[in-house]
Protein backbone atom coordinates (compact mmCIF):
# COMPACT_ATOMS: atom_id res chain seq x y z
CA MET A 1 -55.31 53.70 45.22
CA ASN A 2 -58.96 55.45 44.22
CA ASP A 3 -58.87 58.75 41.99
CA LEU A 4 -59.73 60.99 45.09
CA ARG A 5 -56.05 59.85 46.34
CA SER A 6 -54.45 60.01 43.57
CA LEU A 7 -55.33 63.63 42.90
CA GLU A 8 -53.95 64.36 46.26
CA LEU A 9 -50.90 62.22 45.60
CA CYS A 10 -50.39 64.54 42.22
CA ILE A 11 -50.84 67.76 44.22
CA GLY A 12 -49.40 67.62 47.43
CA MET A 13 -45.86 66.33 45.44
CA LEU A 14 -46.46 69.38 42.82
CA ALA A 15 -46.98 71.70 45.76
CA LYS A 16 -43.69 70.68 46.56
CA VAL A 17 -42.10 72.49 44.36
CA ILE A 18 -44.08 75.13 43.58
CA GLY A 19 -44.98 76.37 47.24
CA ILE A 20 -48.49 76.89 47.26
CA GLU A 21 -50.81 74.18 46.64
CA GLU A 22 -54.13 75.83 44.57
CA GLU A 23 -51.57 77.05 42.22
CA ALA A 24 -50.43 72.98 42.10
CA ARG A 25 -54.22 72.08 41.42
CA ARG A 26 -54.30 74.97 38.67
CA LYS A 27 -50.72 73.80 36.65
CA ILE A 28 -52.53 70.17 36.60
CA TYR A 29 -54.37 68.94 33.50
CA VAL A 30 -54.77 65.55 34.03
CA VAL A 31 -53.94 62.66 36.33
CA TRP A 32 -53.92 59.17 35.48
CA CYS A 33 -55.06 57.19 38.26
CA LYS A 34 -54.19 53.57 36.96
CA ILE A 35 -50.46 52.45 36.08
CA PRO A 36 -48.87 54.02 34.34
CA PHE A 37 -49.30 56.65 37.69
CA GLY A 38 -49.13 60.08 36.58
CA PHE A 39 -50.03 63.30 35.52
CA PRO A 40 -49.18 66.74 33.52
CA ALA A 41 -49.20 69.99 34.83
CA GLU A 42 -47.97 73.20 33.10
CA ILE A 43 -44.72 74.24 34.68
CA ASP A 44 -41.53 76.28 33.59
CA GLY A 45 -38.61 74.36 33.70
CA GLU A 46 -37.16 75.67 37.16
CA THR A 47 -39.93 74.16 38.20
CA SER A 48 -39.30 70.80 36.45
CA ASN A 49 -36.21 70.91 37.49
CA LYS A 50 -36.89 70.94 41.38
CA LEU A 51 -40.04 68.49 40.30
CA LYS A 52 -36.98 65.76 38.93
CA ASN A 53 -34.98 65.99 42.04
CA LEU A 54 -37.38 64.83 44.50
CA GLU A 55 -37.21 61.07 45.81
CA ASP A 56 -40.78 60.15 45.03
CA VAL A 57 -40.28 61.03 41.21
CA LEU A 58 -39.45 58.07 38.46
CA THR A 59 -39.65 60.28 35.46
CA LEU A 60 -40.21 63.75 34.08
CA LEU A 61 -41.10 63.72 29.73
CA PRO A 62 -41.76 66.14 27.73
CA ASP A 63 -46.44 65.91 26.96
CA TYR A 64 -45.39 66.55 23.16
CA ALA A 65 -49.27 67.06 23.17
CA HIS A 66 -49.82 70.00 25.19
CA ASP A 67 -49.95 73.19 23.71
CA VAL A 68 -46.32 73.89 22.82
CA GLN A 69 -47.53 78.33 21.91
CA LYS A 70 -47.92 78.36 25.53
CA GLN A 71 -44.48 79.77 27.49
CA ASP A 72 -45.41 76.97 29.80
CA ARG A 73 -44.44 73.41 28.79
CA GLY A 74 -46.66 71.14 29.74
CA ILE A 75 -44.58 67.60 31.51
CA LEU A 76 -45.28 63.98 32.04
CA VAL A 77 -45.10 63.32 35.53
CA PHE A 78 -44.39 59.27 36.44
CA PRO A 79 -44.19 59.30 40.11
CA LEU A 80 -42.94 56.03 42.48
CA LEU A 81 -45.19 54.70 44.49
CA GLU A 82 -45.73 52.29 46.86
CA PHE A 83 -47.59 49.24 44.98
CA GLY A 84 -45.41 46.46 46.12
CA PRO A 85 -43.81 43.42 44.79
CA ASN A 86 -46.48 42.76 42.18
CA LEU A 87 -46.56 45.99 40.75
CA THR A 88 -50.85 46.34 40.58
CA GLY A 89 -51.95 49.98 42.75
CA SER A 90 -54.32 47.58 44.64
CA SER A 91 -53.51 48.22 48.40
CA ASP A 92 -56.62 50.06 48.81
C-alpha cells in the first residue's frame, strides 16, 4: 500500500464517523504507512466510540505522547486491512 492510499484510507475511515472529510483531514496528525498501519487523531470520546464500532477498526489506544492539556484526546487507530495471510501489506 502506498503512502497516498494509506492517507486516503485513514481520512475516509475517520470521515465515516465525523461526517465531513475536511474535518477528518484536520483531525489526523500522523499516518503510519507500514505495519502496524494506523493513525492518531484528535477526537472526543463520542467520536472515539463511533470509530471503535466500525467494522474495519482493529483497536483504539490512547496516544500518551499527545498534548494532554488539550480538550480533545489523541487516539491511536489501528484498522484491519486486506493484507492477506502473510501480513506483508505488499498487495500493490
